[in-house]
C-alpha atoms as a PDB file:
ATOM      1  CA  UNK A   1       0.000   0.000   0.000  1.00  0.00           C
ATOM      2  CA  UNK A   2       1.028   3.538  -0.657  1.00  0.00           C
ATOM      3  CA  UNK A   3      -0.247   6.830   0.715  1.00  0.00           C
ATOM      4  CA  UNK A   4      -0.407  10.236  -0.901  1.00  0.00           C
ATOM      5  CA  UNK A   5      -0.938  13.722   0.433  1.00  0.00           C
ATOM      6  CA  UNK A   6      -4.083  15.305  -1.041  1.00  0.00           C
ATOM      7  CA  UNK A   7      -4.205  19.136  -0.982  1.00  0.00           C
ATOM      8  CA  UNK A   8      -7.533  20.577   0.216  1.00  0.00           C
ATOM      9  CA  UNK A   9      -9.235  23.932   0.184  1.00  0.00           C
ATOM     10  CA  UNK A  10     -10.844  24.636   3.546  1.00  0.00           C
ATOM     11  CA  UNK A  11     -13.187  27.385   4.626  1.00  0.00           C
ATOM     12  CA  UNK A  12     -12.148  28.121   8.209  1.00  0.00           C
ATOM     13  CA  UNK A  13     -12.838  30.536  11.025  1.00  0.00           C
ATOM     14  CA  UNK A  14      -9.813  32.222  12.577  1.00  0.00           C
ATOM     15  CA  UNK A  15     -10.382  33.532  16.109  1.00  0.00           C
ATOM     16  CA  UNK A  16      -8.716  36.491  17.780  1.00  0.00           C
ATOM     17  CA  UNK A  17      -6.905  34.064  20.120  1.00  0.00           C
ATOM     18  CA  UNK A  18      -5.176  32.485  17.103  1.00  0.00           C
ATOM     19  CA  UNK A  19      -7.216  29.290  16.991  1.00  0.00           C
ATOM     20  CA  UNK A  20      -8.451  27.868  13.689  1.00  0.00           C
ATOM     21  CA  UNK A  21     -11.750  26.048  13.224  1.00  0.00           C
ATOM     22  CA  UNK A  22     -12.446  24.376   9.860  1.00  0.00           C
ATOM     23  CA  UNK A  23     -16.024  24.862   8.643  1.00  0.00           C
ATOM     24  CA  UNK A  24     -16.196  23.425   5.095  1.00  0.00           C
ATOM     25  CA  UNK A  25     -14.067  21.200   2.890  1.00  0.00           C
ATOM     26  CA  UNK A  26     -13.890  22.171  -0.780  1.00  0.00           C
ATOM     27  CA  UNK A  27     -12.796  19.248  -2.952  1.00  0.00           C
ATOM     28  CA  UNK A  28     -13.219  18.842  -6.711  1.00  0.00           C
ATOM     29  CA  UNK A  29     -15.564  21.847  -6.860  1.00  0.00           C
ATOM     30  CA  UNK A  30     -17.893  20.380  -4.199  1.00  0.00           C
ATOM     31  CA  UNK A  31     -18.388  21.779  -0.699  1.00  0.00           C
ATOM     32  CA  UNK A  32     -18.809  19.511   2.296  1.00  0.00           C
ATOM     33  CA  UNK A  33     -20.005  21.034   5.569  1.00  0.00           C
ATOM     34  CA  UNK A  34     -18.050  20.008   8.641  1.00  0.00           C
ATOM     35  CA  UNK A  35     -20.773  19.095  11.113  1.00  0.00           C
ATOM     36  CA  UNK A  36     -18.487  18.944  14.124  1.00  0.00           C
ATOM     37  CA  UNK A  37     -14.816  19.106  15.095  1.00  0.00           C
ATOM     38  CA  UNK A  38     -14.307  16.071  17.323  1.00  0.00           C
ATOM     39  CA  UNK A  39     -10.635  16.620  18.152  1.00  0.00           C
ATOM     40  CA  UNK A  40      -7.735  18.926  17.302  1.00  0.00           C
ATOM     41  CA  UNK A  41      -4.193  17.941  18.223  1.00  0.00           C
ATOM     42  CA  UNK A  42      -0.667  18.371  16.988  1.00  0.00           C
ATOM     43  CA  UNK A  43       0.006  15.103  15.195  1.00  0.00           C
ATOM     44  CA  UNK A  44       2.028  14.239  12.137  1.00  0.00           C
ATOM     45  CA  UNK A  45       0.794  11.486   9.826  1.00  0.00           C
ATOM     46  CA  UNK A  46       3.549   8.884   9.618  1.00  0.00           C
ATOM     47  CA  UNK A  47       2.868   7.903   6.002  1.00  0.00           C
ATOM     48  CA  UNK A  48       3.355  11.246   4.192  1.00  0.00           C
ATOM     49  CA  UNK A  49       5.766  14.150   4.681  1.00  0.00           C
ATOM     50  CA  UNK A  50       4.465  17.037   6.788  1.00  0.00           C
ATOM     51  CA  UNK A  51       5.796  19.926   8.904  1.00  0.00           C
ATOM     52  CA  UNK A  52       4.289  19.734  12.424  1.00  0.00           C
ATOM     53  CA  UNK A  53       0.622  19.866  11.363  1.00  0.00           C
ATOM     54  CA  UNK A  54      -2.489  20.060  13.491  1.00  0.00           C
ATOM     55  CA  UNK A  55      -4.697  17.024  12.910  1.00  0.00           C
ATOM     56  CA  UNK A  56      -8.413  17.738  12.985  1.00  0.00           C
ATOM     57  CA  UNK A  57     -10.773  14.805  13.382  1.00  0.00           C
ATOM     58  CA  UNK A  58     -14.030  16.063  11.936  1.00  0.00           C
ATOM     59  CA  UNK A  59     -17.506  14.727  11.293  1.00  0.00           C
ATOM     60  CA  UNK A  60     -18.657  15.138   7.672  1.00  0.00           C
ATOM     61  CA  UNK A  61     -21.989  13.640   6.603  1.00  0.00           C
ATOM     62  CA  UNK A  62     -21.851  11.211   9.529  1.00  0.00           C
ATOM     63  CA  UNK A  63     -18.307  10.001   8.796  1.00  0.00           C
ATOM     64  CA  UNK A  64     -15.135  10.731  10.731  1.00  0.00           C
ATOM     65  CA  UNK A  65     -12.347  12.228   8.618  1.00  0.00           C
ATOM     66  CA  UNK A  66      -8.847  13.450   9.403  1.00  0.00           C
ATOM     67  CA  UNK A  67      -7.661  16.701   7.865  1.00  0.00           C
ATOM     68  CA  UNK A  68      -4.380  18.463   8.591  1.00  0.00           C
ATOM     69  CA  UNK A  69      -3.292  22.099   8.755  1.00  0.00           C
ATOM     70  CA  UNK A  70       0.373  23.060   8.418  1.00  0.00           C
ATOM     71  CA  UNK A  71       0.918  26.518   9.867  1.00  0.00           C
ATOM     72  CA  UNK A  72       4.436  26.711   8.391  1.00  0.00           C
ATOM     73  CA  UNK A  73       3.162  26.322   4.817  1.00  0.00           C
ATOM     74  CA  UNK A  74      -0.371  27.641   5.470  1.00  0.00           C
ATOM     75  CA  UNK A  75      -1.796  24.571   3.745  1.00  0.00           C
ATOM     76  CA  UNK A  76      -4.510  21.999   4.375  1.00  0.00           C
ATOM     77  CA  UNK A  77      -4.353  18.358   3.295  1.00  0.00           C
ATOM     78  CA  UNK A  78      -5.675  14.871   3.864  1.00  0.00           C
ATOM     79  CA  UNK A  79      -4.069  11.477   3.392  1.00  0.00           C
ATOM     80  CA  UNK A  80      -5.337   8.971   0.838  1.00  0.00           C
ATOM     81  CA  UNK A  81      -4.472   5.293   0.689  1.00  0.00           C
ATOM     82  CA  UNK A  82      -3.577   3.994  -2.781  1.00  0.00           C
ATOM     83  CA  UNK A  83      -3.786   0.273  -3.420  1.00  0.00           C
ATOM     84  CA  UNK A  84      -1.281  -0.787  -6.055  1.00  0.00           C
ATOM     85  CA  UNK A  85      -1.809  -3.870  -8.152  1.00  0.00           C
ATOM     86  CA  UNK A  86       1.429  -5.808  -8.375  1.00  0.00           C
END
């Protein structure tokens, strides 16, 4: 198995205290509302390169998803598993 980093566009709310709260995921011209942020923690995915991101576990249409925000690069991404036929 192989994993890839998938860039995302995120609509987020930035608070005066510096916190970030993702509100919507924009992927392939579709918008997905984030129903709830279940957890936010500093955690690096071990399967793709990243610079000290914050991992957000979010609820989208009843499913838990992990999205990541890298403050150093100001970018959002997710991780996708690729199954290779060998």
